[in-house]
Amino acid sequence: MKQALLSLLGLVGLASALHAQSSAPLVADIPFAFFAGDTAMPAGEYRVWLNKDSMRVVVRPVEPRSGVFLSAFGADAKARPEKYMLVFNKYSEDRIFLNRIIHAGDSIASEMMKSKRERESVTSTLISGLRPSTVVVLARMR
């Protein structure tokens, strides 16, 4: 219990530090369970912070339980979208991974580093010959 409390306090402290250096969070209602890195996240409403200086991302449910820190890198958004979007790679019904964060009006997207679990999903889809699909969830600034 004490270790869980210390972990939670550490996460809150890091999230506060990241939040202080980042733009307002995106809020999205994600209607399916997904993975943020190797961490399974249930369906629900989430806040997503991006620190463009360090390319660190925090994904956290609106109802605080726990959050996830991810590393990202800049990627071409292919256009300057008018909406905020979270883009997911879907390999199967139970293998959906947060892949990109796209900010309205920005030509650079933030792409997540592939986790070990996602790399395994990529390998299994290559073997089976199936192609992953893309799922887009619209987000809004808080």
Protein backbone atom coordinates (compact mmCIF):
# COMPACT_ATOMS: atom_id res chain seq x y z
CA MET A 1 0.00 0.00 0.00
CA LYS A 2 2.79 2.41 0.94
CA GLN A 3 4.66 1.64 -2.28
CA ALA A 4 1.51 2.20 -4.35
CA LEU A 5 0.96 5.55 -2.63
CA LEU A 6 4.55 6.60 -3.27
CA SER A 7 4.22 5.57 -6.92
CA LEU A 8 1.02 7.58 -7.23
CA LEU A 9 2.62 10.63 -5.62
CA GLY A 10 5.60 10.30 -7.96
CA LEU A 11 3.30 10.08 -10.96
CA VAL A 12 1.34 13.13 -9.82
CA GLY A 13 4.59 15.06 -9.32
CA LEU A 14 5.93 14.13 -12.73
CA ALA A 15 2.60 14.87 -14.37
CA SER A 16 2.55 18.27 -12.66
CA ALA A 17 6.04 19.04 -13.91
CA LEU A 18 5.18 17.89 -17.42
CA HIS A 19 1.90 19.80 -17.36
CA ALA A 20 3.70 22.99 -16.36
CA GLN A 21 5.85 22.74 -19.48
CA SER A 22 3.19 21.60 -21.94
CA SER A 23 0.11 22.93 -23.58
CA ALA A 24 -3.37 22.38 -22.18
CA PRO A 25 -4.34 18.71 -22.23
CA LEU A 26 -6.40 17.10 -24.92
CA VAL A 27 -9.53 15.37 -23.67
CA ALA A 28 -11.00 12.43 -25.56
CA ASP A 29 -13.69 9.85 -24.91
CA ILE A 30 -12.10 6.59 -26.07
CA PRO A 31 -14.88 4.01 -26.55
CA PHE A 32 -12.62 0.95 -26.50
CA ALA A 33 -9.88 -0.59 -24.39
CA PHE A 34 -6.41 0.15 -25.73
CA PHE A 35 -2.72 0.02 -24.93
CA ALA A 36 -0.61 3.07 -24.16
CA GLY A 37 2.83 1.58 -24.54
CA ASP A 38 2.63 -1.81 -22.82
CA THR A 39 -0.04 -0.62 -20.35
CA ALA A 40 -3.64 -1.77 -20.86
CA MET A 41 -6.10 1.11 -20.52
CA PRO A 42 -9.89 0.64 -20.21
CA ALA A 43 -12.40 2.52 -22.35
CA GLY A 44 -13.24 5.94 -20.93
CA GLU A 45 -12.49 9.63 -20.94
CA TYR A 46 -8.79 10.52 -21.00
CA ARG A 47 -6.55 13.55 -20.74
CA VAL A 48 -3.41 13.55 -22.85
CA TRP A 49 -0.55 15.98 -22.26
CA LEU A 50 2.33 16.44 -24.67
CA ASN A 51 5.56 18.19 -23.79
CA LYS A 52 6.97 19.17 -27.18
CA ASP A 53 10.37 20.05 -25.71
CA SER A 54 11.03 16.59 -24.28
CA MET A 55 8.55 14.68 -26.50
CA ARG A 56 7.09 13.05 -23.40
CA VAL A 57 3.42 12.18 -23.29
CA VAL A 58 1.16 11.55 -20.30
CA VAL A 59 -2.04 9.55 -20.84
CA ARG A 60 -4.34 9.60 -17.83
CA PRO A 61 -8.01 8.79 -17.22
CA VAL A 62 -10.12 11.79 -16.24
CA GLU A 63 -11.16 9.83 -13.15
CA PRO A 64 -7.66 9.49 -11.70
CA ARG A 65 -6.51 5.96 -11.22
CA SER A 66 -3.11 5.84 -12.83
CA GLY A 67 -1.40 7.27 -15.82
CA VAL A 68 1.24 6.33 -18.33
CA PHE A 69 4.31 8.18 -19.53
CA LEU A 70 5.32 7.56 -23.15
CA SER A 71 8.15 8.69 -25.39
CA ALA A 72 7.26 10.18 -28.74
CA PHE A 73 8.98 11.66 -31.77
CA GLY A 74 7.93 14.19 -34.39
CA ALA A 75 6.33 12.81 -37.55
CA ASP A 76 4.79 14.42 -40.61
CA ALA A 77 1.07 15.01 -40.05
CA LYS A 78 0.66 15.12 -43.88
CA ALA A 79 -1.53 18.23 -43.55
CA ARG A 80 -2.55 20.88 -41.07
CA PRO A 81 -5.69 19.28 -39.64
CA GLU A 82 -8.49 21.40 -38.26
CA LYS A 83 -9.20 19.00 -35.38
CA TYR A 84 -7.30 17.39 -32.55
CA MET A 85 -7.00 13.63 -32.99
CA LEU A 86 -5.71 10.53 -31.27
CA VAL A 87 -4.76 7.88 -33.82
CA PHE A 88 -4.64 4.20 -32.90
CA ASN A 89 -3.21 1.14 -34.68
CA LYS A 90 -5.70 -1.75 -34.50
CA TYR A 91 -4.24 -5.21 -35.02
CA SER A 92 -7.24 -7.10 -33.58
CA GLU A 93 -10.19 -6.37 -31.28
CA ASP A 94 -7.98 -6.70 -28.20
CA ARG A 95 -4.77 -5.23 -29.66
CA ILE A 96 -5.33 -1.50 -30.19
CA PHE A 97 -2.39 0.85 -29.55
CA LEU A 98 -2.17 4.63 -29.23
CA ASN A 99 0.03 5.61 -32.16
CA ARG A 100 -0.16 9.37 -32.78
CA ILE A 101 -1.35 12.64 -31.34
CA ILE A 102 -2.31 15.22 -33.94
CA HIS A 103 -2.80 18.84 -32.88
CA ALA A 104 -5.11 21.10 -34.87
CA GLY A 105 -3.19 23.46 -37.14
CA ASP A 106 0.14 21.68 -36.62
CA SER A 107 1.95 19.94 -39.50
CA ILE A 108 4.01 17.84 -37.08
CA ALA A 109 2.29 14.95 -35.28
CA SER A 110 3.66 13.23 -32.20
CA GLU A 111 4.16 9.54 -32.82
CA MET A 112 4.59 7.09 -29.96
CA MET A 113 7.54 4.72 -29.83
CA LYS A 114 6.32 1.17 -30.47
CA SER A 115 6.21 -0.90 -27.30
CA LYS A 116 7.34 -4.49 -27.04
CA ARG A 117 3.70 -5.64 -27.09
CA GLU A 118 2.97 -3.63 -30.26
CA ARG A 119 6.11 -4.93 -31.99
CA GLU A 120 4.87 -8.47 -31.22
CA SER A 121 1.48 -7.55 -32.76
CA VAL A 122 3.22 -6.22 -35.88
CA THR A 123 5.13 -9.48 -36.22
CA SER A 124 2.01 -11.62 -35.83
CA THR A 125 0.11 -9.59 -38.44
CA LEU A 126 3.02 -9.92 -40.87
CA ILE A 127 2.98 -13.68 -40.38
CA SER A 128 -0.80 -13.91 -40.80
CA GLY A 129 -0.85 -11.54 -43.77
CA LEU A 130 -3.49 -9.31 -42.15
CA ARG A 131 -3.06 -5.57 -42.24
CA PRO A 132 -3.68 -3.40 -39.19
CA SER A 133 -6.35 -0.74 -39.44
CA THR A 134 -6.30 2.83 -38.18
CA VAL A 135 -8.83 4.16 -35.70
CA VAL A 136 -9.17 7.90 -35.14
CA VAL A 137 -10.73 9.43 -32.05
CA LEU A 138 -11.42 13.16 -32.07
CA ALA A 139 -10.20 15.11 -29.06
CA ARG A 140 -10.71 18.60 -27.73
CA MET A 141 -8.61 21.04 -25.76
CA ARG A 142 -9.55 21.17 -22.13
